[in-house]
Amino acid sequence: MEKTFRFELGELDLGQLLDGLESRAEAWEKTAEYFRMGGMPDDEFFLIEESSGLDEAAAIAGHYRSIIATIRKQTETQ
C-alpha cells in the first residue's frame, strides 16, 4: 500500500502548487492531443513531453488531473 502524507500549506502556496500541477496536466494533455491528431496546427506552439505515445501521455495527464481533484476536494472540506 502506498504511504500517505499530510501537509500544511498557506493559501498562496496551495495556489502556486495547483497552478504548477495545472501546467503539467495541460502539457501532457497537449502531448496526448499531438499523438491523437498526428501533429498540431501551425498556429500552436508547445513542447511535446517525452512519451512512448498516446496511451502513456493520456494516462499521465489523467494522473495529474486526479491529483488536482484530490487536493481541491480536500480543501473544500476545510
PDB file of N, CA and C in Angstrom:
ATOM      1  N   MET A   1       0.839  -1.183   0.000  1.00  0.00           N
ATOM      2  CA  MET A   1       0.000   0.000   0.000  1.00  0.00           C
ATOM      3  C   MET A   1       0.884   1.246   0.000  1.00  0.00           C
ATOM      4  N   GLU A   2       0.422   2.238  -0.682  1.00  0.00           N
ATOM      5  CA  GLU A   2       1.165   3.477  -0.791  1.00  0.00           C
ATOM      6  C   GLU A   2       1.067   4.283   0.507  1.00  0.00           C
ATOM      7  N   LYS A   3       2.161   4.885   0.884  1.00  0.00           N
ATOM      8  CA  LYS A   3       2.201   5.707   2.091  1.00  0.00           C
ATOM      9  C   LYS A   3       1.487   7.034   1.831  1.00  0.00           C
ATOM     10  N   THR A   4       0.736   7.531   2.811  1.00  0.00           N
ATOM     11  CA  THR A   4       0.012   8.794   2.697  1.00  0.00           C
ATOM     12  C   THR A   4       0.733   9.867   3.491  1.00  0.00           C
ATOM     13  N   PHE A   5       0.818  11.059   2.907  1.00  0.00           N
ATOM     14  CA  PHE A   5       1.451  12.193   3.571  1.00  0.00           C
ATOM     15  C   PHE A   5       0.427  13.283   3.798  1.00  0.00           C
ATOM     16  N   ARG A   6       0.627  14.073   4.826  1.00  0.00           N
ATOM     17  CA  ARG A   6      -0.218  15.229   5.116  1.00  0.00           C
ATOM     18  C   ARG A   6       0.678  16.460   5.196  1.00  0.00           C
ATOM     19  N   PHE A   7       0.234  17.526   4.555  1.00  0.00           N
ATOM     20  CA  PHE A   7       0.993  18.771   4.527  1.00  0.00           C
ATOM     21  C   PHE A   7       0.105  19.916   4.960  1.00  0.00           C
ATOM     22  N   GLU A   8       0.731  20.930   5.478  1.00  0.00           N
ATOM     23  CA  GLU A   8       0.024  22.173   5.759  1.00  0.00           C
ATOM     24  C   GLU A   8       0.660  23.248   4.901  1.00  0.00           C
ATOM     25  N   LEU A   9      -0.161  23.906   4.098  1.00  0.00           N
ATOM     26  CA  LEU A   9       0.313  24.973   3.224  1.00  0.00           C
ATOM     27  C   LEU A   9      -0.573  26.189   3.400  1.00  0.00           C
ATOM     28  N   GLY A  10       0.030  27.353   3.248  1.00  0.00           N
ATOM     29  CA  GLY A  10      -0.762  28.569   3.227  1.00  0.00           C
ATOM     30  C   GLY A  10      -1.555  28.646   1.929  1.00  0.00           C
ATOM     31  N   GLU A  11      -2.541  29.514   1.906  1.00  0.00           N
ATOM     32  CA  GLU A  11      -3.413  29.650   0.749  1.00  0.00           C
ATOM     33  C   GLU A  11      -2.627  30.013  -0.523  1.00  0.00           C
ATOM     34  N   LEU A  12      -1.667  30.910  -0.394  1.00  0.00           N
ATOM     35  CA  LEU A  12      -0.866  31.312  -1.543  1.00  0.00           C
ATOM     36  C   LEU A  12      -0.030  30.136  -2.068  1.00  0.00           C
ATOM     37  N   ASP A  13       0.596  29.410  -1.148  1.00  0.00           N
ATOM     38  CA  ASP A  13       1.401  28.257  -1.567  1.00  0.00           C
ATOM     39  C   ASP A  13       0.542  27.182  -2.217  1.00  0.00           C
ATOM     40  N   LEU A  14      -0.650  26.968  -1.699  1.00  0.00           N
ATOM     41  CA  LEU A  14      -1.556  25.994  -2.294  1.00  0.00           C
ATOM     42  C   LEU A  14      -1.922  26.416  -3.715  1.00  0.00           C
ATOM     43  N   GLY A  15      -2.189  27.693  -3.899  1.00  0.00           N
ATOM     44  CA  GLY A  15      -2.488  28.196  -5.240  1.00  0.00           C
ATOM     45  C   GLY A  15      -1.341  27.980  -6.198  1.00  0.00           C
ATOM     46  N   GLN A  16      -0.124  28.215  -5.724  1.00  0.00           N
ATOM     47  CA  GLN A  16       1.062  28.000  -6.559  1.00  0.00           C
ATOM     48  C   GLN A  16       1.222  26.521  -6.910  1.00  0.00           C
ATOM     49  N   LEU A  17       0.991  25.656  -5.949  1.00  0.00           N
ATOM     50  CA  LEU A  17       1.083  24.218  -6.178  1.00  0.00           C
ATOM     51  C   LEU A  17       0.072  23.773  -7.229  1.00  0.00           C
ATOM     52  N   LEU A  18      -1.172  24.224  -7.079  1.00  0.00           N
ATOM     53  CA  LEU A  18      -2.208  23.849  -8.040  1.00  0.00           C
ATOM     54  C   LEU A  18      -1.910  24.416  -9.426  1.00  0.00           C
ATOM     55  N   ASP A  19      -1.382  25.622  -9.473  1.00  0.00           N
ATOM     56  CA  ASP A  19      -1.026  26.231 -10.751  1.00  0.00           C
ATOM     57  C   ASP A  19       0.044  25.397 -11.464  1.00  0.00           C
ATOM     58  N   GLY A  20       1.038  24.948 -10.722  1.00  0.00           N
ATOM     59  CA  GLY A  20       2.087  24.114 -11.299  1.00  0.00           C
ATOM     60  C   GLY A  20       1.546  22.780 -11.793  1.00  0.00           C
ATOM     61  N   LEU A  21       0.659  22.172 -11.012  1.00  0.00           N
ATOM     62  CA  LEU A  21       0.064  20.905 -11.432  1.00  0.00           C
ATOM     63  C   LEU A  21      -0.813  21.090 -12.664  1.00  0.00           C
ATOM     64  N   GLU A  22      -1.547  22.201 -12.726  1.00  0.00           N
ATOM     65  CA  GLU A  22      -2.366  22.512 -13.910  1.00  0.00           C
ATOM     66  C   GLU A  22      -1.488  22.633 -15.155  1.00  0.00           C
ATOM     67  N   SER A  23      -0.353  23.294 -15.015  1.00  0.00           N
ATOM     68  CA  SER A  23       0.565  23.457 -16.147  1.00  0.00           C
ATOM     69  C   SER A  23       1.073  22.118 -16.648  1.00  0.00           C
ATOM     70  N   ARG A  24       1.411  21.246 -15.718  1.00  0.00           N
ATOM     71  CA  ARG A  24       1.899  19.924 -16.109  1.00  0.00           C
ATOM     72  C   ARG A  24       0.787  19.095 -16.756  1.00  0.00           C
ATOM     73  N   ALA A  25      -0.411  19.161 -16.195  1.00  0.00           N
ATOM     74  CA  ALA A  25      -1.542  18.436 -16.781  1.00  0.00           C
ATOM     75  C   ALA A  25      -1.801  18.910 -18.206  1.00  0.00           C
ATOM     76  N   GLU A  26      -1.788  20.222 -18.407  1.00  0.00           N
ATOM     77  CA  GLU A  26      -2.016  20.777 -19.741  1.00  0.00           C
ATOM     78  C   GLU A  26      -0.925  20.337 -20.717  1.00  0.00           C
ATOM     79  N   ALA A  27       0.314  20.306 -20.273  1.00  0.00           N
ATOM     80  CA  ALA A  27       1.411  19.879 -21.147  1.00  0.00           C
ATOM     81  C   ALA A  27       1.203  18.441 -21.601  1.00  0.00           C
ATOM     82  N   TRP A  28       0.789  17.584 -20.682  1.00  0.00           N
ATOM     83  CA  TRP A  28       0.565  16.184 -21.037  1.00  0.00           C
ATOM     84  C   TRP A  28      -0.693  16.017 -21.882  1.00  0.00           C
ATOM     85  N   GLU A  29      -1.721  16.829 -21.627  1.00  0.00           N
ATOM     86  CA  GLU A  29      -2.917  16.776 -22.458  1.00  0.00           C
ATOM     87  C   GLU A  29      -2.602  17.197 -23.887  1.00  0.00           C
ATOM     88  N   LYS A  30      -1.789  18.224 -24.047  1.00  0.00           N
ATOM     89  CA  LYS A  30      -1.396  18.666 -25.382  1.00  0.00           C
ATOM     90  C   LYS A  30      -0.531  17.614 -26.070  1.00  0.00           C
ATOM     91  N   THR A  31       0.308  16.935 -25.296  1.00  0.00           N
ATOM     92  CA  THR A  31       1.124  15.863 -25.875  1.00  0.00           C
ATOM     93  C   THR A  31       0.225  14.723 -26.344  1.00  0.00           C
ATOM     94  N   ALA A  32      -0.763  14.365 -25.537  1.00  0.00           N
ATOM     95  CA  ALA A  32      -1.707  13.316 -25.938  1.00  0.00           C
ATOM     96  C   ALA A  32      -2.456  13.740 -27.200  1.00  0.00           C
ATOM     97  N   GLU A  33      -2.871  14.994 -27.261  1.00  0.00           N
ATOM     98  CA  GLU A  33      -3.568  15.508 -28.438  1.00  0.00           C
ATOM     99  C   GLU A  33      -2.663  15.465 -29.673  1.00  0.00           C
ATOM    100  N   TYR A  34      -1.395  15.754 -29.489  1.00  0.00           N
ATOM    101  CA  TYR A  34      -0.429  15.674 -30.583  1.00  0.00           C
ATOM    102  C   TYR A  34      -0.408  14.257 -31.164  1.00  0.00           C
ATOM    103  N   PHE A  35      -0.339  13.259 -30.287  1.00  0.00           N
ATOM    104  CA  PHE A  35      -0.322  11.868 -30.763  1.00  0.00           C
ATOM    105  C   PHE A  35      -1.664  11.486 -31.380  1.00  0.00           C
ATOM    106  N   ARG A  36      -2.754  11.966 -30.798  1.00  0.00           N
ATOM    107  CA  ARG A  36      -4.092  11.650 -31.286  1.00  0.00           C
ATOM    108  C   ARG A  36      -4.311  12.208 -32.695  1.00  0.00           C
ATOM    109  N   MET A  37      -3.843  13.436 -32.920  1.00  0.00           N
ATOM    110  CA  MET A  37      -4.078  14.116 -34.196  1.00  0.00           C
ATOM    111  C   MET A  37      -2.944  13.900 -35.205  1.00  0.00           C
ATOM    112  N   GLY A  38      -1.834  13.366 -34.754  1.00  0.00           N
ATOM    113  CA  GLY A  38      -0.695  13.180 -35.646  1.00  0.00           C
ATOM    114  C   GLY A  38       0.056  14.474 -35.911  1.00  0.00           C
ATOM    115  N   GLY A  39      -0.091  15.438 -35.036  1.00  0.00           N
ATOM    116  CA  GLY A  39       0.560  16.740 -35.172  1.00  0.00           C
ATOM    117  C   GLY A  39      -0.342  17.809 -34.588  1.00  0.00           C
ATOM    118  N   MET A  40       0.130  19.033 -34.622  1.00  0.00           N
ATOM    119  CA  MET A  40      -0.653  20.156 -34.105  1.00  0.00           C
ATOM    120  C   MET A  40      -0.767  21.223 -35.188  1.00  0.00           C
ATOM    121  N   PRO A  41      -1.803  22.054 -35.080  1.00  0.00           N
ATOM    122  CA  PRO A  41      -1.934  23.150 -36.050  1.00  0.00           C
ATOM    123  C   PRO A  41      -0.700  24.041 -36.028  1.00  0.00           C
ATOM    124  N   ASP A  42      -0.414  24.654 -37.161  1.00  0.00           N
ATOM    125  CA  ASP A  42       0.766  25.514 -37.301  1.00  0.00           C
ATOM    126  C   ASP A  42       0.751  26.706 -36.357  1.00  0.00           C
ATOM    127  N   ASP A  43      -0.430  27.157 -35.974  1.00  0.00           N
ATOM    128  CA  ASP A  43      -0.514  28.361 -35.136  1.00  0.00           C
ATOM    129  C   ASP A  43      -0.354  28.074 -33.647  1.00  0.00           C
ATOM    130  N   GLU A  44      -0.159  26.817 -33.279  1.00  0.00           N
ATOM    131  CA  GLU A  44       0.004  26.472 -31.866  1.00  0.00           C
ATOM    132  C   GLU A  44       1.414  25.935 -31.634  1.00  0.00           C
ATOM    133  N   PHE A  45       2.051  26.441 -30.580  1.00  0.00           N
ATOM    134  CA  PHE A  45       3.407  26.005 -30.238  1.00  0.00           C
ATOM    135  C   PHE A  45       3.431  25.509 -28.805  1.00  0.00           C
ATOM    136  N   PHE A  46       4.016  24.356 -28.584  1.00  0.00           N
ATOM    137  CA  PHE A  46       4.261  23.840 -27.254  1.00  0.00           C
ATOM    138  C   PHE A  46       5.316  22.749 -27.356  1.00  0.00           C
ATOM    139  N   LEU A  47       5.906  22.419 -26.264  1.00  0.00           N
ATOM    140  CA  LEU A  47       6.907  21.360 -26.229  1.00  0.00           C
ATOM    141  C   LEU A  47       6.227  20.033 -25.939  1.00  0.00           C
ATOM    142  N   ILE A  48       6.511  19.058 -26.748  1.00  0.00           N
ATOM    143  CA  ILE A  48       5.936  17.728 -26.555  1.00  0.00           C
ATOM    144  C   ILE A  48       6.723  17.028 -25.455  1.00  0.00           C
ATOM    145  N   GLU A  49       6.003  16.457 -24.501  1.00  0.00           N
ATOM    146  CA  GLU A  49       6.647  15.714 -23.420  1.00  0.00           C
ATOM    147  C   GLU A  49       7.199  14.400 -23.966  1.00  0.00           C
ATOM    148  N   GLU A  50       8.278  13.937 -23.372  1.00  0.00           N
ATOM    149  CA  GLU A  50       8.857  12.664 -23.800  1.00  0.00           C
ATOM    150  C   GLU A  50       7.920  11.542 -23.377  1.00  0.00           C
ATOM    151  N   SER A  51       7.462  10.789 -24.351  1.00  0.00           N
ATOM    152  CA  SER A  51       6.435   9.790 -24.099  1.00  0.00           C
ATOM    153  C   SER A  51       6.535   8.682 -25.131  1.00  0.00           C
ATOM    154  N   SER A  52       6.032   7.518 -24.759  1.00  0.00           N
ATOM    155  CA  SER A  52       6.008   6.403 -25.700  1.00  0.00           C
ATOM    156  C   SER A  52       4.816   6.483 -26.645  1.00  0.00           C
ATOM    157  N   GLY A  53       3.905   7.413 -26.375  1.00  0.00           N
ATOM    158  CA  GLY A  53       2.767   7.555 -27.272  1.00  0.00           C
ATOM    159  C   GLY A  53       1.517   8.056 -26.577  1.00  0.00           C
ATOM    160  N   LEU A  54       0.411   7.953 -27.289  1.00  0.00           N
ATOM    161  CA  LEU A  54      -0.867   8.481 -26.833  1.00  0.00           C
ATOM    162  C   LEU A  54      -1.298   7.906 -25.488  1.00  0.00           C
ATOM    163  N   ASP A  55      -1.244   6.598 -25.343  1.00  0.00           N
ATOM    164  CA  ASP A  55      -1.730   5.974 -24.108  1.00  0.00           C
ATOM    165  C   ASP A  55      -0.978   6.466 -22.880  1.00  0.00           C
ATOM    166  N   GLU A  56       0.333   6.524 -22.980  1.00  0.00           N
ATOM    167  CA  GLU A  56       1.130   6.977 -21.843  1.00  0.00           C
ATOM    168  C   GLU A  56       0.860   8.457 -21.540  1.00  0.00           C
ATOM    169  N   ALA A  57       0.834   9.287 -22.574  1.00  0.00           N
ATOM    170  CA  ALA A  57       0.598  10.715 -22.367  1.00  0.00           C
ATOM    171  C   ALA A  57      -0.776  10.960 -21.744  1.00  0.00           C
ATOM    172  N   ALA A  58      -1.784  10.265 -22.227  1.00  0.00           N
ATOM    173  CA  ALA A  58      -3.135  10.423 -21.676  1.00  0.00           C
ATOM    174  C   ALA A  58      -3.203   9.940 -20.229  1.00  0.00           C
ATOM    175  N   ALA A  59      -2.517   8.857 -19.923  1.00  0.00           N
ATOM    176  CA  ALA A  59      -2.515   8.332 -18.551  1.00  0.00           C
ATOM    177  C   ALA A  59      -1.835   9.304 -17.589  1.00  0.00           C
ATOM    178  N   ILE A  60      -0.728   9.881 -18.017  1.00  0.00           N
ATOM    179  CA  ILE A  60      -0.023  10.834 -17.159  1.00  0.00           C
ATOM    180  C   ILE A  60      -0.869  12.089 -16.964  1.00  0.00           C
ATOM    181  N   ALA A  61      -1.497  12.578 -18.029  1.00  0.00           N
ATOM    182  CA  ALA A  61      -2.392  13.737 -17.903  1.00  0.00           C
ATOM    183  C   ALA A  61      -3.526  13.427 -16.932  1.00  0.00           C
ATOM    184  N   GLY A  62      -4.098  12.259 -17.050  1.00  0.00           N
ATOM    185  CA  GLY A  62      -5.179  11.853 -16.148  1.00  0.00           C
ATOM    186  C   GLY A  62      -4.724  11.767 -14.705  1.00  0.00           C
ATOM    187  N   HIS A  63      -3.499  11.312 -14.502  1.00  0.00           N
ATOM    188  CA  HIS A  63      -2.970  11.223 -13.138  1.00  0.00           C
ATOM    189  C   HIS A  63      -2.817  12.616 -12.529  1.00  0.00           C
ATOM    190  N   TYR A  64      -2.298  13.555 -13.308  1.00  0.00           N
ATOM    191  CA  TYR A  64      -2.201  14.931 -12.823  1.00  0.00           C
ATOM    192  C   TYR A  64      -3.579  15.486 -12.484  1.00  0.00           C
ATOM    193  N   ARG A  65      -4.572  15.239 -13.338  1.00  0.00           N
ATOM    194  CA  ARG A  65      -5.933  15.721 -13.074  1.00  0.00           C
ATOM    195  C   ARG A  65      -6.503  15.083 -11.805  1.00  0.00           C
ATOM    196  N   SER A  66      -6.164  13.837 -11.562  1.00  0.00           N
ATOM    197  CA  SER A  66      -6.612  13.151 -10.351  1.00  0.00           C
ATOM    198  C   SER A  66      -5.999  13.779  -9.100  1.00  0.00           C
ATOM    199  N   ILE A  67      -4.729  14.103  -9.158  1.00  0.00           N
ATOM    200  CA  ILE A  67      -4.054  14.755  -8.030  1.00  0.00           C
ATOM    201  C   ILE A  67      -4.712  16.105  -7.753  1.00  0.00           C
ATOM    202  N   ILE A  68      -4.954  16.877  -8.800  1.00  0.00           N
ATOM    203  CA  ILE A  68      -5.585  18.187  -8.651  1.00  0.00           C
ATOM    204  C   ILE A  68      -6.962  18.043  -8.015  1.00  0.00           C
ATOM    205  N   ALA A  69      -7.744  17.096  -8.497  1.00  0.00           N
ATOM    206  CA  ALA A  69      -9.092  16.878  -7.956  1.00  0.00           C
ATOM    207  C   ALA A  69      -9.047  16.483  -6.486  1.00  0.00           C
ATOM    208  N   THR A  70      -8.098  15.642  -6.117  1.00  0.00           N
ATOM    209  CA  THR A  70      -7.958  15.220  -4.733  1.00  0.00           C
ATOM    210  C   THR A  70      -7.638  16.408  -3.833  1.00  0.00           C
ATOM    211  N   ILE A  71      -6.702  17.236  -4.256  1.00  0.00           N
ATOM    212  CA  ILE A  71      -6.327  18.416  -3.460  1.00  0.00           C
ATOM    213  C   ILE A  71      -7.508  19.377  -3.333  1.00  0.00           C
ATOM    214  N   ARG A  72      -8.213  19.615  -4.438  1.00  0.00           N
ATOM    215  CA  ARG A  72      -9.351  20.538  -4.388  1.00  0.00           C
ATOM    216  C   ARG A  72     -10.459  20.006  -3.478  1.00  0.00           C
ATOM    217  N   LYS A  73     -10.710  18.717  -3.563  1.00  0.00           N
ATOM    218  CA  LYS A  73     -11.746  18.105  -2.719  1.00  0.00           C
ATOM    219  C   LYS A  73     -11.380  18.264  -1.240  1.00  0.00           C
ATOM    220  N   GLN A  74     -10.123  18.028  -0.913  1.00  0.00           N
ATOM    221  CA  GLN A  74      -9.686  18.140   0.476  1.00  0.00           C
ATOM    222  C   GLN A  74      -9.752  19.582   0.963  1.00  0.00           C
ATOM    223  N   THR A  75      -9.448  20.552   0.099  1.00  0.00           N
ATOM    224  CA  THR A  75      -9.503  21.948   0.535  1.00  0.00           C
ATOM    225  C   THR A  75     -10.941  22.422   0.716  1.00  0.00           C
ATOM    226  N   GLU A  76     -11.883  21.861  -0.035  1.00  0.00           N
ATOM    227  CA  GLU A  76     -13.288  22.243   0.123  1.00  0.00           C
ATOM    228  C   GLU A  76     -13.855  21.814   1.464  1.00  0.00           C
ATOM    229  N   THR A  77     -13.305  20.770   2.045  1.00  0.00           N
ATOM    230  CA  THR A  77     -13.828  20.284   3.329  1.00  0.00           C
ATOM    231  C   THR A  77     -13.231  21.014   4.517  1.00  0.00           C
ATOM    232  N   GLN A  78     -12.310  21.932   4.268  1.00  0.00           N
ATOM    233  CA  GLN A  78     -11.671  22.650   5.387  1.00  0.00           C
ATOM    234  C   GLN A  78     -12.269  24.023   5.577  1.00  0.00           C
TER     235      GLN A  78
END
